[in-house]
Protein backbone atom coordinates (compact mmCIF):
# COMPACT_ATOMS: atom_id res chain seq x y z
CA MET A 1 8.91 8.85 17.92
CA LYS A 2 8.43 5.24 18.96
CA LYS A 3 8.89 2.76 16.63
CA TYR A 4 6.25 -0.38 17.01
CA ILE A 5 7.74 -3.81 16.24
CA ALA A 6 6.76 -7.25 16.03
CA ILE A 7 8.24 -9.85 17.61
CA LEU A 8 6.93 -13.82 16.48
CA GLY A 9 7.47 -16.94 17.76
CA ILE A 10 8.67 -15.33 21.29
CA THR A 11 6.57 -16.45 24.38
CA LEU A 12 9.43 -18.69 26.48
CA GLY A 13 12.08 -15.80 27.17
CA LEU A 14 8.78 -13.21 28.03
CA SER A 15 8.77 -15.31 31.57
CA ASN A 16 11.82 -13.77 32.55
CA VAL A 17 9.71 -10.13 32.82
CA GLN A 18 6.76 -10.72 34.73
CA ALA A 19 5.39 -11.21 31.15
CA GLN A 20 3.08 -14.09 30.02
CA ASN A 21 3.56 -16.13 33.37
CA ILE A 22 2.51 -16.90 36.42
CA GLU A 23 1.30 -13.88 37.59
CA GLU A 24 -0.54 -13.37 34.45
CA LEU A 25 -2.41 -16.18 35.43
CA MET A 26 -3.49 -14.79 39.00
CA ARG A 27 -4.14 -10.95 37.99
CA TYR A 28 -6.93 -12.41 35.50
CA THR A 29 -7.90 -15.03 38.00
CA GLN A 30 -8.11 -13.50 41.03
CA THR A 31 -11.28 -10.90 41.18
CA GLU A 32 -12.74 -9.06 43.30
CA PRO A 33 -15.90 -8.28 43.99
CA LEU A 34 -17.01 -4.73 42.17
CA GLY A 35 -20.66 -4.76 41.81
CA THR A 36 -22.97 -2.97 43.15
CA ALA A 37 -23.10 -1.67 46.80
CA ARG A 38 -26.01 -3.85 48.28
CA PHE A 39 -23.51 -7.19 47.19
CA ARG A 40 -20.47 -5.21 48.73
CA ALA A 41 -22.30 -4.44 51.88
CA LEU A 42 -22.21 -8.22 52.14
CA SER A 43 -18.85 -8.85 51.15
CA GLY A 44 -20.49 -11.13 48.00
CA ALA A 45 -22.95 -13.35 50.48
CA PHE A 46 -25.69 -13.46 48.05
CA GLY A 47 -25.34 -16.96 46.12
CA ALA A 48 -29.06 -18.31 47.68
CA VAL A 49 -30.72 -14.68 48.50
CA GLY A 50 -30.66 -13.24 44.46
CA GLY A 51 -32.58 -10.43 43.48
CA ASP A 52 -29.77 -8.10 42.90
CA LEU A 53 -27.84 -7.50 39.47
CA SER A 54 -24.30 -8.65 40.73
CA ALA A 55 -25.69 -11.55 42.85
CA ILE A 56 -26.01 -12.02 38.91
CA SER A 57 -22.61 -12.28 38.39
CA LEU A 58 -22.32 -14.92 41.15
CA ASN A 59 -25.50 -17.24 41.08
CA PRO A 60 -27.69 -17.16 37.40
CA ALA A 61 -30.71 -18.00 39.24
CA SER A 62 -30.68 -14.66 40.94
CA SER A 63 -32.69 -12.65 38.29
CA SER A 64 -35.86 -14.84 38.14
CA ILE A 65 -35.66 -13.69 42.62
CA PHE A 66 -36.67 -9.97 41.05
CA ASN A 67 -40.27 -9.29 41.50
CA ASN A 68 -39.96 -6.23 38.90
CA ASN A 69 -37.95 -4.51 36.57
CA GLN A 70 -34.65 -2.86 37.81
CA LEU A 71 -32.34 -0.68 36.24
CA ALA A 72 -28.91 0.18 38.48
CA VAL A 73 -25.62 2.20 38.29
CA THR A 74 -22.69 2.22 40.89
CA THR A 75 -19.89 4.01 41.55
CA SER A 76 -16.91 3.90 43.70
CA ILE A 77 -14.38 5.34 45.93
CA TYR A 78 -11.14 2.72 46.05
CA GLY A 79 -8.53 3.13 48.00
CA SER A 80 -5.37 1.44 48.62
CA THR A 81 -2.23 1.44 51.03
CA ASN A 82 1.11 -0.68 50.06
CA ARG A 83 3.28 -1.21 52.26
CA THR A 84 6.59 -3.10 51.77
CA ASN A 85 9.96 -4.02 53.27
CA TYR A 86 12.84 -5.18 51.77
CA PHE A 87 16.05 -6.14 53.76
CA GLY A 88 14.39 -4.14 56.69
CA SER A 89 13.86 -1.24 54.93
CA THR A 90 10.16 -0.05 54.70
CA SER A 91 7.88 2.24 52.14
CA GLU A 92 4.11 3.13 52.24
CA GLU A 93 2.35 4.61 49.08
CA ARG A 94 -1.53 5.18 48.93
CA LEU A 95 -3.47 5.78 46.36
CA ASN A 96 -7.26 6.84 45.73
CA ASP A 97 -9.46 6.37 42.85
CA PHE A 98 -13.02 6.81 41.87
CA ASP A 99 -14.78 4.72 39.06
CA LEU A 100 -18.54 4.04 37.74
CA ASN A 101 -17.71 0.08 38.29
CA GLN A 102 -21.36 -1.32 37.01
CA LEU A 103 -24.41 -0.52 35.29
CA GLY A 104 -27.26 -2.69 34.18
CA GLY A 105 -30.79 -4.05 33.93
CA VAL A 106 -33.24 -6.88 34.14
CA LEU A 107 -36.63 -7.43 32.77
CA VAL A 108 -39.01 -9.89 34.10
CA PHE A 109 -41.80 -12.17 32.87
CA LYS A 110 -44.53 -13.58 34.66
CA THR A 111 -46.55 -16.24 33.93
CA LYS A 112 -50.71 -14.65 35.06
CA LYS A 113 -52.04 -18.83 34.35
CA SER A 114 -51.95 -20.14 37.55
CA GLY A 115 -50.54 -23.26 37.87
CA ALA A 116 -48.41 -22.75 35.46
CA LYS A 117 -44.87 -24.46 35.37
CA VAL A 118 -42.99 -21.75 34.41
CA ASN A 119 -44.51 -18.96 36.54
CA LYS A 120 -41.70 -16.11 35.91
CA PHE A 121 -38.22 -16.40 33.61
CA ALA A 122 -35.94 -13.29 33.72
CA LEU A 123 -33.94 -11.12 31.29
CA ALA A 124 -30.57 -9.62 32.38
CA VAL A 125 -27.77 -7.58 31.28
CA ASN A 126 -25.23 -6.22 33.68
CA TYR A 127 -21.74 -4.80 33.37
CA GLU A 128 -18.81 -4.69 36.11
CA LYS A 129 -15.46 -4.66 36.97
CA GLN A 130 -14.02 -8.17 38.35
CA ASN A 131 -10.63 -5.58 39.18
CA ASN A 132 -9.62 -2.52 39.25
CA PHE A 133 -5.47 -2.76 38.28
CA ASN A 134 -4.64 1.11 39.55
CA ASP A 135 -2.02 0.77 42.02
CA ALA A 136 1.77 2.55 43.55
CA VAL A 137 3.99 0.34 44.92
CA SER A 138 7.02 1.31 46.63
CA VAL A 139 10.13 -0.68 47.22
CA LYS A 140 13.30 0.80 48.76
CA GLY A 141 16.47 -1.20 50.39
CA VAL A 142 20.10 -2.38 50.59
CA ASN A 143 20.60 -5.79 49.01
CA PRO A 144 23.59 -7.08 51.14
CA ASN A 145 24.47 -9.97 47.79
CA ASN A 146 22.92 -9.54 44.88
CA SER A 147 22.80 -7.00 42.00
CA ILE A 148 20.45 -6.21 39.56
CA ALA A 149 23.48 -7.16 37.40
CA ASN A 150 22.67 -10.38 38.17
CA TYR A 151 19.33 -10.28 36.07
CA PHE A 152 21.92 -9.12 32.78
CA LEU A 153 23.72 -12.27 33.61
CA HIS A 154 20.63 -14.91 33.65
CA HIS A 155 19.90 -14.03 29.62
CA ALA A 156 23.51 -13.67 28.66
CA ASN A 157 24.59 -16.75 30.21
CA LYS A 158 21.28 -18.47 29.66
CA ASN A 159 21.11 -22.04 27.10
CA GLY A 160 24.42 -21.70 26.57
CA GLY A 161 25.01 -18.33 25.88
CA VAL A 162 24.62 -15.78 23.44
CA SER A 163 27.12 -15.05 21.54
CA ALA A 164 29.37 -12.13 21.95
CA PHE A 165 29.18 -11.04 18.40
CA ASP A 166 25.32 -10.75 18.05
CA ILE A 167 25.50 -8.31 21.00
CA ASP A 168 28.34 -6.16 20.62
CA SER A 169 27.94 -2.68 18.54
CA PHE A 170 31.70 -2.18 18.00
CA TYR A 171 31.67 -5.74 15.80
CA TYR A 172 29.05 -4.56 14.22
CA SER A 173 30.31 -1.07 12.76
CA HIS A 174 33.48 -2.92 12.42
CA VAL A 175 32.34 -5.39 10.20
CA PHE A 176 30.41 -3.33 8.17
CA ASP A 177 32.19 -0.21 7.90
CA ALA A 178 35.16 -3.28 6.18
CA ASN A 179 32.50 -4.41 3.62
CA GLN A 180 28.79 -2.79 3.47
CA ASN A 181 27.60 -4.51 0.86
CA ALA A 182 29.33 -7.90 1.96
CA TYR A 183 26.57 -8.60 4.97
CA VAL A 184 23.54 -7.15 3.18
CA GLU A 185 21.25 -11.04 2.59
CA ASP A 186 22.74 -11.60 6.35
CA TYR A 187 21.65 -8.71 8.07
CA GLY A 188 19.10 -7.06 6.04
CA PHE A 189 17.44 -3.48 7.00
CA LEU A 190 20.81 -3.67 9.72
CA ALA A 191 23.04 -3.70 6.85
CA ASN A 192 20.84 -1.15 4.94
CA TYR A 193 21.33 1.31 7.74
CA PHE A 194 24.77 2.01 7.58
CA ASN A 195 24.02 3.90 4.56
CA THR A 196 21.70 6.35 5.64
CA SER A 197 21.94 9.86 6.41
CA GLU A 198 21.17 9.02 10.41
CA TYR A 199 23.60 7.01 11.41
CA ALA A 200 26.19 9.03 9.96
CA ILE A 201 24.53 11.97 12.12
CA SER A 202 24.34 9.05 14.93
CA ASN A 203 26.90 6.84 14.51
CA ASN A 204 24.91 4.73 16.51
CA LEU A 205 23.81 1.68 16.09
CA ALA A 206 22.24 0.52 19.80
CA PRO A 207 18.53 0.28 18.46
CA TYR A 208 18.71 -1.43 15.39
CA ILE A 209 20.68 -4.00 16.72
CA TYR A 210 18.06 -3.73 19.76
CA GLN A 211 15.32 -4.63 17.06
CA TYR A 212 17.20 -6.51 14.74
CA LEU A 213 17.75 -9.54 17.67
CA GLY A 214 14.10 -9.03 18.07
CA GLU A 215 13.28 -9.76 14.49
CA THR A 216 15.88 -12.35 14.01
CA GLY A 217 16.30 -14.25 16.85
CA GLY A 218 13.36 -16.68 17.32
CA ALA A 219 12.40 -18.05 20.80
CA PHE A 220 15.41 -16.31 22.48
CA SER A 221 14.95 -13.00 21.15
CA PHE A 222 13.90 -11.58 23.96
CA ASN A 223 16.66 -13.39 25.92
CA ASP A 224 19.25 -12.00 23.52
CA GLN A 225 17.87 -8.30 23.81
CA GLN A 226 18.19 -8.45 27.30
CA ALA A 227 22.36 -9.75 27.11
CA PHE A 228 22.03 -6.81 24.83
CA LEU A 229 21.07 -4.24 27.35
CA GLY A 230 23.81 -5.00 29.94
CA PHE A 231 26.86 -5.43 27.30
CA GLU A 232 26.23 -1.95 25.20
CA SER A 233 25.92 -0.67 28.59
CA PHE A 234 28.93 -1.91 30.37
CA ILE A 235 27.12 -3.73 32.99
CA ILE A 236 28.34 -6.81 31.89
CA ASP A 237 30.85 -8.16 29.82
CA VAL A 238 33.20 -11.22 28.51
CA ALA A 239 34.68 -13.54 31.25
CA ASP A 240 38.01 -13.74 31.29
CA ASN A 241 37.81 -17.49 29.90
CA TYR A 242 35.39 -16.68 27.09
CA ASN A 243 35.22 -18.97 24.03
CA ASP A 244 32.14 -18.21 21.21
CA SER A 245 32.79 -22.11 20.63
CA ASN A 246 32.50 -23.65 23.85
CA ASN A 247 32.22 -21.45 26.51
CA ARG A 248 30.31 -18.51 26.30
CA VAL A 249 30.55 -16.86 29.93
CA TYR A 250 30.14 -13.39 31.02
CA LYS A 251 30.78 -11.44 34.10
CA SER A 252 29.81 -8.71 35.80
CA LEU A 253 31.53 -5.13 35.87
CA VAL A 254 29.29 -3.67 39.00
CA ALA A 255 31.68 -2.21 41.43
CA GLU A 256 31.97 -5.51 44.37
CA GLY A 257 31.28 -5.52 47.39
CA GLY A 258 27.66 -5.81 48.37
CA ASN A 259 25.08 -4.02 50.05
CA TYR A 260 23.57 -2.33 46.96
CA HIS A 261 20.96 0.51 47.52
CA GLN A 262 17.71 -0.81 45.56
CA GLU A 263 14.64 1.41 44.32
CA HIS A 264 12.08 -0.34 42.65
CA SER A 265 8.73 1.93 42.05
CA ILE A 266 5.49 0.60 40.11
CA ILE A 267 2.82 2.61 38.92
CA SER A 268 -0.51 0.23 37.35
CA SER A 269 -3.10 0.95 35.89
CA GLY A 270 -6.19 -0.71 34.13
CA TYR A 271 -9.44 -2.91 34.59
CA ASN A 272 -10.61 -6.38 34.06
CA GLY A 273 -14.20 -5.86 33.24
CA LYS A 274 -17.18 -8.42 32.22
CA LEU A 275 -20.36 -7.89 30.39
CA THR A 276 -23.28 -10.55 31.48
CA VAL A 277 -26.40 -11.36 29.59
CA ASN A 278 -28.56 -13.44 31.71
CA GLY A 279 -31.27 -16.00 31.30
CA SER A 280 -33.11 -17.65 34.11
CA ILE A 281 -36.75 -19.64 34.79
CA SER A 282 -38.62 -20.00 37.57
CA LEU A 283 -40.88 -23.62 37.79
CA HIS A 284 -43.25 -23.57 40.45
CA ASP A 285 -41.87 -20.58 41.98
CA ARG A 286 -39.34 -23.51 43.98
CA LEU A 287 -36.91 -23.80 41.45
CA ILE A 288 -34.79 -21.34 39.69
CA ILE A 289 -32.38 -21.99 36.99
CA GLY A 290 -29.89 -20.17 34.94
CA VAL A 291 -27.04 -18.86 32.33
CA ASN A 292 -24.48 -16.41 31.91
CA LEU A 293 -22.92 -15.58 28.61
CA ASN A 294 -20.12 -13.45 29.96
CA SER A 295 -17.24 -11.66 27.52
CA HIS A 296 -14.66 -10.09 29.31
CA PHE A 297 -12.08 -7.16 28.03
CA SER A 298 -9.08 -5.97 29.98
CA ASP A 299 -6.40 -3.51 29.29
CA PHE A 300 -3.45 -3.12 31.81
CA THR A 301 -0.44 -1.08 31.85
CA ARG A 302 2.44 -1.04 34.58
CA ASN A 303 5.39 1.73 34.40
CA SER A 304 8.10 -0.09 36.48
CA LYS A 305 11.69 2.06 37.17
CA PHE A 306 14.56 0.37 38.95
CA PHE A 307 17.06 2.32 40.73
CA GLU A 308 20.57 0.62 41.54
CA ARG A 309 23.68 2.51 43.41
CA ASN A 310 26.55 1.05 45.41
CA ASN A 311 29.64 3.22 46.78
CA ASN A 312 32.00 0.02 46.83
CA PRO A 313 35.79 0.94 46.50
CA LEU A 314 37.03 2.00 42.73
CA SER A 315 40.29 0.95 41.44
CA VAL A 316 41.83 2.18 37.86
CA ASN A 317 39.62 -0.20 35.90
CA ASP A 318 35.46 1.07 35.37
CA ARG A 319 33.36 -0.14 37.33
CA VAL A 320 29.55 0.35 37.58
CA LYS A 321 28.27 2.69 39.91
CA ARG A 322 24.61 3.54 39.22
CA ILE A 323 21.90 2.24 37.21
CA TYR A 324 18.70 3.49 35.92
CA PHE A 325 16.57 0.10 34.48
CA ASP A 326 13.16 1.34 33.25
CA ASN A 327 10.51 -1.10 31.80
CA ASP A 328 6.86 -0.28 30.22
CA THR A 329 4.11 -2.67 29.76
CA HIS A 330 0.57 -2.96 28.05
CA THR A 331 -0.92 -6.33 28.28
CA PHE A 332 -4.85 -6.44 26.93
CA GLY A 333 -7.31 -8.42 25.28
CA ASN A 334 -10.38 -9.89 25.77
CA GLY A 335 -12.07 -12.88 26.77
CA PHE A 336 -14.67 -15.74 27.00
CA SER A 337 -16.34 -17.54 30.07
CA LEU A 338 -20.21 -19.14 30.59
CA GLN A 339 -21.65 -19.67 33.98
CA LEU A 340 -24.87 -22.18 35.60
CA GLY A 341 -26.98 -21.82 38.70
CA THR A 342 -30.02 -22.48 40.94
CA ILE A 343 -31.71 -21.92 43.61
CA LEU A 344 -34.04 -24.01 45.05
CA LYS A 345 -36.79 -22.63 48.02
CA VAL A 346 -36.98 -25.27 50.18
CA ASN A 347 -39.62 -23.53 52.54
CA LYS A 348 -40.36 -19.66 52.91
CA PHE A 349 -37.49 -19.52 55.80
CA LEU A 350 -34.87 -21.63 53.61
CA ARG A 351 -33.40 -21.17 50.35
CA LEU A 352 -30.62 -23.27 48.58
CA GLY A 353 -28.13 -22.29 45.91
CA ALA A 354 -25.02 -23.76 43.66
CA SER A 355 -23.55 -22.74 40.75
CA TYR A 356 -20.61 -22.95 38.76
CA GLU A 357 -18.56 -20.37 37.03
CA SER A 358 -16.11 -21.88 34.17
CA PRO A 359 -12.83 -20.68 33.28
CA THR A 360 -12.22 -18.18 31.82
CA TRP A 361 -10.57 -18.15 28.56
CA HIS A 362 -8.26 -15.09 27.68
CA LYS A 363 -6.63 -13.92 24.28
CA LEU A 364 -3.98 -11.43 25.34
CA ALA A 365 -1.34 -9.56 23.59
CA ASP A 366 2.02 -7.86 25.13
CA GLU A 367 3.42 -4.78 24.53
CA ILE A 368 7.22 -4.05 26.31
CA SER A 369 9.51 -1.31 25.93
CA GLN A 370 13.19 -0.32 27.78
CA LYS A 371 15.70 1.79 28.85
CA LEU A 372 18.69 1.38 30.65
CA THR A 373 21.25 4.40 31.69
CA VAL A 374 24.40 3.40 33.40
CA VAL A 375 27.01 5.30 35.24
CA SER A 376 30.30 4.35 35.18
CA GLY A 377 33.98 5.61 36.80
CA ASN A 378 37.51 4.62 38.49
CA ASN A 379 39.23 5.68 41.44
CA LEU A 380 40.10 9.02 39.21
CA ARG A 381 36.82 9.61 37.81
CA GLU A 382 32.47 9.46 37.13
CA LEU A 383 32.66 8.45 33.51
CA GLN A 384 29.81 9.99 31.14
CA PRO A 385 26.27 8.08 31.54
CA ASP A 386 26.01 4.71 28.69
CA VAL A 387 21.69 5.28 27.47
CA VAL A 388 20.95 2.38 25.75
CA ASN A 389 17.24 3.32 24.59
CA PRO A 390 16.05 1.57 21.74
CA ASN A 391 13.58 4.04 21.79
CA LEU A 392 10.72 1.14 19.78
CA THR A 393 7.85 -1.04 21.44
CA LEU A 394 7.99 -4.98 21.32
CA VAL A 395 4.75 -5.87 20.02
CA PHE A 396 4.69 -9.78 21.12
CA GLU A 397 2.46 -12.74 18.78
CA PRO A 398 -0.77 -12.97 21.23
CA TYR A 399 -1.28 -15.67 23.24
CA ARG A 400 -3.78 -17.67 25.46
CA ILE A 401 -4.71 -17.96 29.18
CA ARG A 402 -7.18 -20.45 31.14
CA THR A 403 -8.22 -19.07 34.55
CA ALA A 404 -9.93 -21.09 37.25
CA ASP A 405 -13.51 -22.86 37.02
CA LYS A 406 -15.16 -22.30 40.70
CA LEU A 407 -17.73 -24.15 42.65
CA ASN A 408 -19.90 -22.11 45.11
CA LEU A 409 -22.47 -23.32 47.31
CA SER A 410 -24.88 -21.14 48.96
CA GLY A 411 -27.41 -21.18 51.72
CA ALA A 412 -29.82 -18.64 53.06
CA LEU A 413 -32.24 -18.39 55.91
CA ILE A 414 -35.28 -15.26 55.26
CA PHE A 415 -36.86 -14.00 57.42
CA GLY A 416 -40.22 -12.64 55.99
CA LYS A 417 -39.37 -8.98 55.01
CA ARG A 418 -38.00 -8.61 57.70
CA GLY A 419 -34.17 -9.53 56.12
CA PHE A 420 -32.30 -13.09 55.73
CA LEU A 421 -28.92 -13.95 56.51
CA ASN A 422 -26.46 -15.93 53.34
CA ILE A 423 -23.47 -17.97 53.68
CA ASP A 424 -21.67 -18.94 50.56
CA TYR A 425 -18.81 -21.96 50.95
CA GLY A 426 -16.65 -21.62 47.48
CA TRP A 427 -13.79 -23.80 45.61
CA LYS A 428 -11.55 -22.40 43.01
CA PHE A 429 -9.31 -24.21 41.30
CA TYR A 430 -5.98 -23.11 41.43
CA GLU A 431 -4.59 -26.22 40.15
CA ARG A 432 -6.20 -25.96 36.07
CA MET A 433 -4.61 -22.51 34.97
CA GLN A 434 -3.16 -23.35 31.60
CA LEU A 435 -1.04 -21.05 29.49
CA ARG A 436 -1.35 -21.73 25.40
CA PRO A 437 -0.12 -22.81 23.04
CA GLU A 438 0.55 -25.20 25.53
CA ASP A 439 3.85 -26.70 23.96
CA GLU A 440 5.23 -23.06 24.26
CA PHE A 441 4.25 -23.11 28.41
CA GLU A 442 5.67 -26.25 28.29
CA GLU A 443 7.69 -25.49 31.56
CA GLN A 444 5.28 -22.49 32.86
CA ASN A 445 2.48 -25.06 33.10
CA SER A 446 4.39 -28.21 34.63
CA SER A 447 5.16 -25.46 37.44
CA ILE A 448 1.77 -24.88 38.54
CA GLY A 449 1.04 -27.81 40.34
CA ASN A 450 3.98 -27.70 42.61
CA THR A 451 2.97 -23.90 43.17
CA PHE A 452 -0.76 -23.98 43.69
CA VAL A 453 -3.18 -25.31 45.92
CA ASN A 454 -7.15 -24.83 44.85
CA SER A 455 -8.25 -22.29 47.22
CA LYS A 456 -11.61 -22.63 49.84
CA GLN A 457 -13.86 -19.49 49.85
CA LEU A 458 -16.27 -18.07 52.75
CA ALA A 459 -18.91 -15.44 52.94
CA VAL A 460 -21.08 -14.41 55.12
CA GLY A 461 -23.55 -11.49 54.80
CA GLY A 462 -27.18 -10.29 56.15
CA GLU A 463 -29.62 -7.65 55.83
CA CYS A 464 -32.07 -6.98 58.64
CA LYS A 465 -34.99 -3.65 57.58
CA ILE A 466 -36.56 -1.32 59.95
CA GLU A 467 -39.65 0.33 57.73
CA ARG A 468 -38.03 2.27 54.69
CA TRP A 469 -34.16 1.18 55.61
CA SER A 470 -31.91 -1.73 55.47
CA LEU A 471 -28.66 -2.68 57.23
CA ARG A 472 -26.21 -5.19 55.87
CA GLY A 473 -23.17 -6.25 57.54
CA GLY A 474 -20.96 -9.48 55.57
CA TYR A 475 -17.49 -10.93 55.94
CA ARG A 476 -15.04 -12.66 53.42
CA TYR A 477 -12.19 -15.28 53.57
CA GLU A 478 -9.95 -17.00 51.11
CA THR A 479 -7.39 -19.38 51.82
CA SER A 480 -3.98 -18.36 50.14
CA PRO A 481 -3.68 -20.45 46.98
CA TYR A 482 0.08 -20.98 47.17
CA ILE A 483 1.15 -23.87 48.53
CA LYS A 484 4.39 -21.86 49.83
CA LYS A 485 1.90 -19.79 52.35
CA SER A 486 4.88 -16.76 52.99
CA LEU A 487 4.12 -16.20 49.30
CA MET A 488 0.43 -15.23 49.99
CA SER A 489 -1.13 -14.96 53.17
CA ASP A 490 -4.93 -15.80 52.89
CA LEU A 491 -7.40 -12.77 52.70
CA LYS A 492 -9.62 -11.46 55.31
CA GLY A 493 -12.80 -8.79 54.52
CA TYR A 494 -15.70 -6.90 56.73
CA SER A 495 -18.11 -4.52 54.81
CA LEU A 496 -20.61 -2.72 55.87
CA GLY A 497 -23.96 -0.74 54.35
CA LEU A 498 -27.28 0.96 54.73
CA GLY A 499 -30.00 1.61 52.07
CA TYR A 500 -33.40 3.73 51.65
CA ASN A 501 -35.90 2.87 49.95
CA PHE A 502 -37.70 6.11 48.63
CA GLY A 503 -40.71 3.38 46.46
CA GLY A 504 -39.01 3.50 42.78
CA THR A 505 -36.05 3.99 43.21
CA LYS A 506 -33.68 2.99 46.01
CA VAL A 507 -29.69 4.02 47.14
CA ASP A 508 -27.36 1.97 48.76
CA ILE A 509 -23.90 2.83 50.10
CA ALA A 510 -21.25 0.38 51.60
CA TYR A 511 -18.59 0.11 52.75
CA SER A 512 -15.95 -2.27 52.09
CA THR A 513 -12.28 -3.48 53.53
CA THR A 514 -9.62 -6.48 52.64
CA SER A 515 -5.74 -7.35 54.09
CA ARG A 516 -3.90 -9.80 52.44
CA GLU A 517 -0.09 -10.09 52.63
CA VAL A 518 2.00 -10.90 49.75
CA ALA A 519 5.69 -11.49 48.74
CA LYS A 520 7.49 -11.43 44.76
CA PRO A 521 10.57 -10.97 43.94
CA ILE A 522 11.39 -7.81 41.83
CA PHE A 523 12.69 -9.75 38.37
CA ASP A 524 11.64 -13.09 37.89
CA ALA A 525 15.35 -14.26 36.38
CA GLY A 526 18.70 -12.63 38.14
CA LEU A 527 17.46 -11.20 40.81
CA ILE A 528 14.74 -12.86 42.85
CA ASP A 529 15.10 -11.93 46.07
CA ASN A 530 11.37 -11.29 47.57
CA PHE A 531 10.38 -8.11 48.88
CA THR A 532 6.68 -8.47 51.46
CA LYS A 533 3.58 -6.62 50.52
CA ASN A 534 1.21 -5.57 52.87
CA LEU A 535 -2.42 -4.74 50.77
CA ARG A 536 -4.91 -2.74 52.17
CA SER A 537 -7.63 -1.88 49.98
CA ASN A 538 -10.73 0.39 51.14
CA ASN A 539 -13.71 1.03 49.33
CA LEU A 540 -16.83 3.33 49.42
CA THR A 541 -19.30 2.31 47.25
CA ALA A 542 -22.80 3.60 46.37
CA THR A 543 -25.74 2.33 43.76
CA LEU A 544 -29.28 4.31 42.45
CA SER A 545 -31.24 1.79 41.53
CA PHE A 546 -34.85 1.98 39.71
CA GLU A 547 -37.93 0.14 39.34
CA LEU A 548 -39.96 0.12 36.89
């Protein structure tokens, strides 16, 4: 059974395991239009049209476009294809998933008095997913120069270097065997552990040193733990000129010669959901004003498995041949945001819309567990594996993120009961993202302005009604939020849909597809060679709605 330990005061070091960093901000800022089938069929281009439960999530004024009370529920079949390229080697992973991604209703109140200033107001509650985190990525290739050893070297040599006395299990056991009681004050539970039967049976200090470093190392606890993993498994060792006073330098014990075959498998799951409470009023059947109060909740799990091997020549000295490094991450939390929106009916043919979505203020927490297995050998034989398995979960202090806010402008041509054409153009302000507390994330926050630009977003969608049938289509385009376009390409998406009105009941279906290419490193430190990933997502969505 795994133990859970709290790592107090640790935030800075964690950025090197792809958590509490820029990637976290992007995960919650880049949302998808995972709403009703009608909304998806138009690629989310609904800002000036309204009259759809998911359109409320874009423009809060949309609820007062409804003429009747309505309930809707939506399900989706989500499919993704990830094609990766790493030093010329390609891999592909496919994933399919079924999900309930929208449920909500709206109540419409009309004023019967002729000439009243407020001719209608509406109240709505709607839940929908903003992200589906279910994903699978496989990366394979031969790295000509860099080994995973560089990851552990980065942590061991960081901030003036980790003291070898802090990460050497032989040192701890030697000290305690010589004088157990003398170090109880300095080493706490670690000292007491020597008096247990568990130590007498296993004679294995590794899990307890890993825990000890996490509980006492302060801001660099995680950094020390990564150095310990590499040192205890014989991936790294002190350099020949190491001096604990003024030259804490480490070296790699991986067989030299390059051409390291590396594989990285990532399985992700989870969601980012939004519950919206909406209110809007219609003034003189011409100007509509609305507001949303949004509650966000998320759960994200990632299982990462890294493997490296080499066939480089060996000597009488032991050198690492194979490495298996597992990292499991769980991020969860909640947040809040608000939205303001308006729709102006210029005349019966033209509508204009505008909406603002505030940043989402998330409060998140991370849990991480790790395991490392290393196989070494020499020119005579292969050694038994060195396994460092702390068998515990690190629980980090909660932290806060502020996602990008968004401004959207819309225009729609209304063709009576025959249909409409809507265009949305928006800006998402990535430069305003932030990690908090600010003093603990100063380095990451200062890099945001040097990494990101504000993104522009275009969505065009139309609907044509033929008796009880509705035919729909849409196009979506988003510019890359990165200054370096090689890190993330522009996004393009297309959609089609069909609806049928039975009277009080409507059935809608939609198909949508998007594609985008990203480049990212396997690890954020040490082993930072990029692989490219071409992600294509395909969604089939169905909505059942009832007028009440």
